[in-house]
């Protein structure tokens, strides 16, 4: 009974101590609603009804603006959830509670998903209501809204778990943000862009065989979001089945890794740059090579 009461109280306190981050997230969702209203007004200024219908339907499909908002919300919520890892006082308090660590991690994950999916659902309902009010709500608009929610949730999940991994591996918020930048940018920047450029400049024997470097984009939440939102014409879910599958695999993998690290992370690592010293040579190698 004590453990159950502590579980509920911890969930409530976790939300209460993050009011600032929550209001920031809600503020950006509010801005997205204003942007949608202005976009609908611009579309309704056209003369032909079929053009208005096509333009408004296109507003329901996944877009880069909301994708960036999803990534930003994921980073903010992950930082605010795992901020206690940098404070020895707070980490002693959390680890002294009569509940297991995995339950603490479960509280953080479910709270943050709810804090993102809830406003996203409200924004989607608002968009549908506005579209119905102007008389252009259609099945295609509802279908596009569904896939938008799925895309933004997938982007949020993979970004949030990557940021959580960076926070768990470090004991300092700033170092954690740098770690996220390494995880998010190393593969697309170093492997996709830097390596071919340097190889073609300095290797006499280098031959560009037209190798598809897109596979390296599958190892970064930022590049995965870009692949998921990029489309040649109108966004179609059939073109992104592989991207959804890759994101799903990464979410499962990151959940397992985060769970293992959360269970094994020592409390005395709060405030230190790296929480797992055994990984220092690997991190040093990843940073020194592109830096040099």
Protein backbone atom coordinates (compact mmCIF):
# COMPACT_ATOMS: atom_id res chain seq x y z
CA UNK A 1 0.00 0.00 0.00
CA UNK A 2 2.84 2.37 0.86
CA UNK A 3 4.53 1.57 -2.43
CA UNK A 4 1.32 2.21 -4.40
CA UNK A 5 0.74 5.52 -2.62
CA UNK A 6 4.36 6.53 -3.26
CA UNK A 7 3.94 5.56 -6.92
CA UNK A 8 0.93 7.84 -7.33
CA UNK A 9 2.51 10.70 -5.37
CA UNK A 10 5.71 10.48 -7.39
CA UNK A 11 3.73 10.68 -10.64
CA UNK A 12 1.94 13.77 -9.35
CA UNK A 13 5.12 15.40 -8.05
CA UNK A 14 6.93 14.67 -11.31
CA UNK A 15 4.38 16.75 -13.20
CA UNK A 16 4.17 19.44 -10.54
CA UNK A 17 7.92 20.15 -10.60
CA UNK A 18 7.98 20.54 -14.40
CA UNK A 19 5.30 23.19 -14.86
CA UNK A 20 7.72 25.48 -16.72
CA UNK A 21 8.65 22.91 -19.36
CA UNK A 22 5.00 21.92 -19.74
CA UNK A 23 3.91 25.52 -20.35
CA UNK A 24 6.68 25.98 -22.91
CA UNK A 25 5.50 22.89 -24.78
CA UNK A 26 1.87 23.99 -24.65
CA UNK A 27 2.84 27.46 -25.86
CA UNK A 28 4.43 26.05 -29.02
CA UNK A 29 1.37 23.88 -29.63
CA UNK A 30 -0.74 27.03 -29.30
CA UNK A 31 1.44 28.73 -31.91
CA UNK A 32 0.91 25.77 -34.23
CA UNK A 33 -2.86 26.26 -33.94
CA UNK A 34 -2.52 29.93 -34.84
CA UNK A 35 -0.35 29.01 -37.82
CA UNK A 36 -3.01 26.53 -38.96
CA UNK A 37 -5.73 29.18 -38.71
CA UNK A 38 -3.72 31.55 -40.88
CA UNK A 39 -2.98 28.79 -43.39
CA UNK A 40 -6.70 27.93 -43.66
CA UNK A 41 -7.54 31.59 -44.15
CA UNK A 42 -5.00 31.83 -46.96
CA UNK A 43 -6.41 28.72 -48.64
CA UNK A 44 -9.99 30.01 -48.40
CA UNK A 45 -8.97 33.15 -50.28
CA UNK A 46 -8.73 31.12 -53.48
CA UNK A 47 -11.58 31.26 -55.98
CA UNK A 48 -12.10 27.62 -56.98
CA UNK A 49 -13.62 25.33 -54.28
CA UNK A 50 -11.66 22.32 -55.52
CA UNK A 51 -8.40 24.21 -55.04
CA UNK A 52 -9.47 25.19 -51.54
CA UNK A 53 -10.30 21.57 -50.74
CA UNK A 54 -6.94 20.37 -52.07
CA UNK A 55 -5.02 23.03 -50.17
CA UNK A 56 -6.78 22.43 -46.84
CA UNK A 57 -6.43 18.65 -47.19
CA UNK A 58 -2.71 19.15 -47.72
CA UNK A 59 -2.52 20.95 -44.36
CA UNK A 60 -3.47 17.73 -42.57
CA UNK A 61 -0.45 15.80 -43.79
CA UNK A 62 2.83 15.56 -41.84
CA UNK A 63 4.96 18.70 -42.06
CA UNK A 64 8.43 19.76 -41.01
CA UNK A 65 7.26 22.48 -38.64
CA UNK A 66 5.40 20.06 -36.39
CA UNK A 67 8.23 17.56 -36.77
CA UNK A 68 10.70 20.09 -35.37
CA UNK A 69 8.22 20.89 -32.59
CA UNK A 70 7.99 17.18 -31.75
CA UNK A 71 11.77 16.89 -31.49
CA UNK A 72 12.02 20.05 -29.38
CA UNK A 73 9.30 18.82 -27.01
CA UNK A 74 11.07 15.46 -26.69
CA UNK A 75 14.37 17.10 -25.75
CA UNK A 76 12.76 19.48 -23.22
CA UNK A 77 10.68 16.78 -21.53
CA UNK A 78 13.58 14.31 -21.35
CA UNK A 79 15.90 16.93 -19.83
CA UNK A 80 13.30 17.96 -17.26
CA UNK A 81 12.48 14.34 -16.34
CA UNK A 82 16.06 13.21 -15.78
CA UNK A 83 17.36 16.49 -14.35
CA UNK A 84 17.51 14.94 -10.87
CA UNK A 85 20.44 12.78 -12.01
CA UNK A 86 22.73 15.84 -11.81
CA UNK A 87 21.89 16.55 -8.15
CA UNK A 88 23.20 14.28 -5.39
CA UNK A 89 20.48 15.45 -3.02
CA UNK A 90 17.65 14.69 -5.45
CA UNK A 91 19.09 11.41 -6.60
CA UNK A 92 19.40 10.24 -2.97
CA UNK A 93 15.76 11.18 -2.44
CA UNK A 94 14.48 9.35 -5.53
CA UNK A 95 16.50 6.22 -4.85
CA UNK A 96 15.37 6.10 -1.22
CA UNK A 97 11.69 5.88 -2.15
CA UNK A 98 9.99 2.50 -1.48
CA UNK A 99 9.52 1.75 -5.18
CA UNK A 100 11.79 0.08 -7.67
CA UNK A 101 13.86 2.00 -10.19
CA UNK A 102 12.04 0.54 -13.17
CA UNK A 103 8.80 1.96 -11.77
CA UNK A 104 10.42 5.40 -11.60
CA UNK A 105 11.47 5.05 -15.23
CA UNK A 106 7.95 3.91 -16.12
CA UNK A 107 6.49 7.02 -14.47
CA UNK A 108 8.83 9.30 -16.41
CA UNK A 109 8.12 7.64 -19.76
CA UNK A 110 4.33 7.50 -19.41
CA UNK A 111 4.08 11.05 -18.04
CA UNK A 112 6.10 12.52 -20.90
CA UNK A 113 4.25 10.57 -23.58
CA UNK A 114 0.95 11.78 -22.13
CA UNK A 115 2.23 15.37 -21.94
CA UNK A 116 3.00 15.22 -25.66
CA UNK A 117 0.20 13.07 -27.07
CA UNK A 118 -2.49 14.90 -25.07
CA UNK A 119 -1.83 18.39 -26.53
CA UNK A 120 -1.19 16.83 -29.95
CA UNK A 121 -4.63 15.21 -29.85
CA UNK A 122 -6.21 18.52 -28.79
CA UNK A 123 -4.47 20.33 -31.67
CA UNK A 124 -5.70 17.66 -34.10
CA UNK A 125 -9.29 17.96 -32.87
CA UNK A 126 -9.02 21.74 -33.14
CA UNK A 127 -7.83 21.45 -36.74
CA UNK A 128 -10.68 19.13 -37.62
CA UNK A 129 -13.18 21.48 -35.97
CA UNK A 130 -11.85 24.49 -37.89
CA UNK A 131 -11.92 22.55 -41.14
CA UNK A 132 -15.50 21.42 -40.47
CA UNK A 133 -16.50 25.00 -39.63
CA UNK A 134 -15.35 26.25 -43.04
CA UNK A 135 -17.07 23.28 -44.72
CA UNK A 136 -14.05 21.39 -46.06
CA UNK A 137 -13.71 18.46 -43.67
CA UNK A 138 -13.21 15.27 -45.68
CA UNK A 139 -12.13 11.68 -45.31
CA UNK A 140 -8.73 12.55 -46.77
CA UNK A 141 -8.28 15.25 -44.13
CA UNK A 142 -9.08 12.78 -41.33
CA UNK A 143 -6.72 10.21 -42.82
CA UNK A 144 -3.95 12.78 -43.13
CA UNK A 145 -4.52 13.84 -39.51
CA UNK A 146 -4.21 10.23 -38.35
CA UNK A 147 -0.89 9.73 -40.14
CA UNK A 148 0.34 13.08 -38.84
CA UNK A 149 -0.29 12.00 -35.25
CA UNK A 150 1.49 8.71 -35.92
CA UNK A 151 4.49 10.46 -37.52
CA UNK A 152 4.88 13.06 -34.78
CA UNK A 153 4.52 10.42 -32.05
CA UNK A 154 7.17 8.26 -33.72
CA UNK A 155 9.54 11.23 -34.03
CA UNK A 156 8.90 12.22 -30.43
CA UNK A 157 9.49 8.69 -29.14
CA UNK A 158 12.82 8.08 -30.87
CA UNK A 159 14.09 11.58 -30.02
CA UNK A 160 12.95 11.36 -26.39
CA UNK A 161 14.62 7.99 -25.84
CA UNK A 162 17.83 9.22 -27.47
CA UNK A 163 17.89 12.28 -25.22
CA UNK A 164 17.14 10.06 -22.23
CA UNK A 165 20.08 7.85 -23.17
CA UNK A 166 22.35 10.90 -23.27
CA UNK A 167 21.10 12.05 -19.86
CA UNK A 168 21.59 8.60 -18.33
CA UNK A 169 25.14 8.30 -19.64
CA UNK A 170 26.15 11.69 -18.23
CA UNK A 171 25.88 13.46 -14.89
CA UNK A 172 25.67 17.00 -16.21
CA UNK A 173 22.85 18.57 -18.21
CA UNK A 174 25.13 20.48 -20.60
CA UNK A 175 27.22 17.36 -21.27
CA UNK A 176 23.98 15.47 -21.80
CA UNK A 177 22.88 17.94 -24.46
CA UNK A 178 26.26 17.59 -26.16
CA UNK A 179 25.86 13.83 -26.01
CA UNK A 180 22.50 14.11 -27.72
CA UNK A 181 24.06 16.23 -30.47
CA UNK A 182 26.66 13.49 -30.97
CA UNK A 183 24.01 10.76 -31.14
CA UNK A 184 21.77 12.80 -33.45
CA UNK A 185 24.41 14.21 -35.76
CA UNK A 186 27.31 11.77 -35.87
CA UNK A 187 25.94 9.35 -38.45
CA UNK A 188 24.41 11.81 -40.96
CA UNK A 189 27.18 14.42 -40.63
CA UNK A 190 30.31 12.27 -40.32
CA UNK A 191 29.38 9.12 -42.24
CA UNK A 192 27.07 10.61 -44.87
CA UNK A 193 28.79 13.95 -45.52
CA UNK A 194 32.24 14.23 -44.00
CA UNK A 195 33.67 10.83 -44.94
CA UNK A 196 32.81 10.95 -48.70
CA UNK A 197 34.08 14.53 -48.91
CA UNK A 198 37.41 13.78 -47.23
CA UNK A 199 37.86 10.49 -49.07
CA UNK A 200 37.37 12.09 -52.48
CA UNK A 201 39.81 14.88 -51.55
CA UNK A 202 42.68 12.90 -50.02
CA UNK A 203 42.43 9.30 -51.24
CA UNK A 204 43.85 8.89 -54.74
CA UNK A 205 42.34 5.43 -54.96
CA UNK A 206 38.87 6.59 -53.88
CA UNK A 207 36.18 5.83 -56.46
CA UNK A 208 32.65 7.11 -56.15
CA UNK A 209 30.53 4.12 -57.11
CA UNK A 210 27.27 5.84 -56.33
CA UNK A 211 26.94 4.10 -52.98
CA UNK A 212 23.67 4.88 -51.25
CA UNK A 213 24.61 6.56 -47.97
CA UNK A 214 20.94 6.87 -46.96
CA UNK A 215 21.33 3.81 -44.74
CA UNK A 216 23.51 5.87 -42.39
CA UNK A 217 20.56 8.21 -41.89
CA UNK A 218 18.80 5.37 -40.08
CA UNK A 219 21.14 5.80 -37.10
CA UNK A 220 20.02 9.29 -36.10
CA UNK A 221 16.66 10.54 -34.79
CA UNK A 222 17.06 13.81 -36.69
CA UNK A 223 17.74 12.15 -40.04
CA UNK A 224 15.00 9.58 -39.42
CA UNK A 225 12.56 12.44 -38.84
CA UNK A 226 13.75 14.03 -42.08
CA UNK A 227 13.24 10.77 -44.00
CA UNK A 228 9.80 10.28 -42.47
CA UNK A 229 8.60 13.77 -43.39
CA UNK A 230 10.28 14.08 -46.79
CA UNK A 231 8.16 13.33 -49.83
CA UNK A 232 8.37 13.98 -53.54
CA UNK A 233 4.76 15.09 -54.00
CA UNK A 234 1.89 14.52 -51.57
CA UNK A 235 2.81 12.60 -48.42
CA UNK A 236 1.84 8.91 -48.70
CA UNK A 237 2.24 6.37 -45.93
CA UNK A 238 3.14 3.63 -48.44
CA UNK A 239 6.44 5.40 -49.13
CA UNK A 240 7.46 5.39 -45.45
CA UNK A 241 6.79 1.83 -44.30
CA UNK A 242 10.53 1.16 -43.97
CA UNK A 243 11.04 4.38 -42.00
CA UNK A 244 8.25 3.46 -39.55
CA UNK A 245 9.75 -0.01 -39.15
CA UNK A 246 13.23 1.39 -38.46
CA UNK A 247 11.88 3.88 -35.92
CA UNK A 248 9.93 1.08 -34.22
CA UNK A 249 13.07 -1.06 -33.99
CA UNK A 250 15.06 1.88 -32.56
CA UNK A 251 12.35 2.60 -29.97
CA UNK A 252 12.45 -1.00 -28.73
CA UNK A 253 16.26 -1.04 -28.68
CA UNK A 254 16.51 2.29 -26.86
CA UNK A 255 13.91 1.23 -24.30
CA UNK A 256 16.00 -1.83 -23.44
CA UNK A 257 19.26 0.15 -23.26
CA UNK A 258 17.70 2.91 -21.16
CA UNK A 259 16.24 0.36 -18.77
CA UNK A 260 19.58 -1.40 -18.32
CA UNK A 261 21.48 1.87 -17.78
CA UNK A 262 18.84 3.23 -15.42
CA UNK A 263 19.08 0.09 -13.28
CA UNK A 264 22.89 0.08 -13.22
CA UNK A 265 23.61 3.81 -12.92
CA UNK A 266 25.44 4.54 -9.68
CA UNK A 267 24.04 7.33 -7.49
CA UNK A 268 27.48 8.81 -6.81
CA UNK A 269 27.89 9.69 -10.52
CA UNK A 270 25.67 12.77 -10.11
CA UNK A 271 27.52 15.87 -11.24
CA UNK A 272 30.26 14.00 -13.10
CA UNK A 273 30.75 14.32 -16.84
CA UNK A 274 30.34 10.63 -17.64
CA UNK A 275 28.28 8.23 -15.53
CA UNK A 276 29.85 5.11 -17.06
CA UNK A 277 33.67 5.47 -17.20
CA UNK A 278 34.03 2.32 -19.32
CA UNK A 279 32.46 4.18 -22.23
CA UNK A 280 34.99 7.03 -22.08
CA UNK A 281 37.39 5.54 -24.70
CA UNK A 282 34.51 5.00 -27.12
CA UNK A 283 33.15 8.53 -26.66
CA UNK A 284 36.67 9.96 -26.94
CA UNK A 285 37.23 8.12 -30.22
CA UNK A 286 33.89 9.29 -31.66
CA UNK A 287 34.70 12.91 -30.80
CA UNK A 288 38.41 13.03 -31.69
CA UNK A 289 38.17 11.54 -35.19
CA UNK A 290 35.76 14.12 -36.75
CA UNK A 291 37.29 16.90 -34.62
CA UNK A 292 40.77 16.18 -35.97
